[in-house]
Protein backbone atom coordinates (compact mmCIF):
# COMPACT_ATOMS: atom_id res chain seq x y z
CA UNK A 1 -122.12 -160.67 -79.89
CA UNK A 2 -126.05 -160.71 -79.84
CA UNK A 3 -126.01 -157.90 -82.41
CA UNK A 4 -123.69 -159.97 -84.88
CA UNK A 5 -126.06 -163.19 -84.64
CA UNK A 6 -129.00 -160.80 -85.28
CA UNK A 7 -127.45 -159.34 -88.44
CA UNK A 8 -126.54 -162.96 -89.73
CA UNK A 9 -130.10 -163.98 -89.22
CA UNK A 10 -131.35 -160.99 -90.95
CA UNK A 11 -129.01 -161.80 -93.98
CA UNK A 12 -130.19 -165.34 -93.98
CA UNK A 13 -133.79 -164.34 -94.06
CA UNK A 14 -133.14 -161.96 -97.03
CA UNK A 15 -131.30 -164.52 -98.92
CA UNK A 16 -134.16 -167.21 -98.18
CA UNK A 17 -136.73 -164.59 -99.26
CA UNK A 18 -134.70 -163.95 -102.70
CA UNK A 19 -134.32 -167.58 -103.18
CA UNK A 20 -138.22 -168.10 -102.68
CA UNK A 21 -138.88 -165.29 -105.31
CA UNK A 22 -136.40 -166.84 -107.68
CA UNK A 23 -138.18 -170.33 -107.36
CA UNK A 24 -141.72 -168.58 -107.91
CA UNK A 25 -140.24 -167.02 -111.15
CA UNK A 26 -138.69 -170.17 -112.41
CA UNK A 27 -141.91 -172.20 -111.82
CA UNK A 28 -143.75 -169.35 -113.63
CA UNK A 29 -141.72 -169.57 -116.70
CA UNK A 30 -141.94 -173.29 -116.59
CA UNK A 31 -145.76 -173.26 -116.36
CA UNK A 32 -145.70 -170.71 -119.40
CA UNK A 33 -143.63 -172.76 -121.47
CA UNK A 34 -145.83 -175.73 -120.94
CA UNK A 35 -149.02 -173.87 -121.74
CA UNK A 36 -147.47 -172.69 -125.05
CA UNK A 37 -146.28 -176.07 -126.03
CA UNK A 38 -149.61 -177.79 -124.94
CA UNK A 39 -151.65 -175.12 -126.92
CA UNK A 40 -149.31 -174.81 -129.87
CA UNK A 41 -151.20 -177.21 -132.03
CA UNK A 42 -154.57 -175.75 -131.27
CA UNK A 43 -153.39 -172.26 -131.94
CA UNK A 44 -151.83 -173.12 -135.23
CA UNK A 45 -154.83 -174.71 -136.35
CA UNK A 46 -157.01 -171.38 -135.56
CA UNK A 47 -157.41 -169.00 -138.19
CA UNK A 48 -155.86 -165.40 -137.78
CA UNK A 49 -158.55 -163.15 -136.58
CA UNK A 50 -156.55 -159.86 -137.34
CA UNK A 51 -154.48 -158.95 -140.52
CA UNK A 52 -151.63 -156.47 -140.77
CA UNK A 53 -154.30 -154.30 -142.57
CA UNK A 54 -156.12 -154.11 -139.31
CA UNK A 55 -153.25 -152.74 -137.52
CA UNK A 56 -153.12 -148.97 -136.82
CA UNK A 57 -149.33 -149.05 -136.68
CA UNK A 58 -147.13 -151.56 -138.02
CA UNK A 59 -143.39 -151.74 -136.88
CA UNK A 60 -141.17 -153.08 -139.28
């Protein structure tokens, strides 16, 4: 009986850790999208530093 409870506790702990990691990934993606949107206007106004001619390899 005790070993069954320990197995269940380990399973719950593993699921909790997986959910925590999923939440961290979700938060990171949200912050990246927010940064992209907030910087969009600024970055669109900036001139391009490099052109295709500057690239050593161009993938089409």
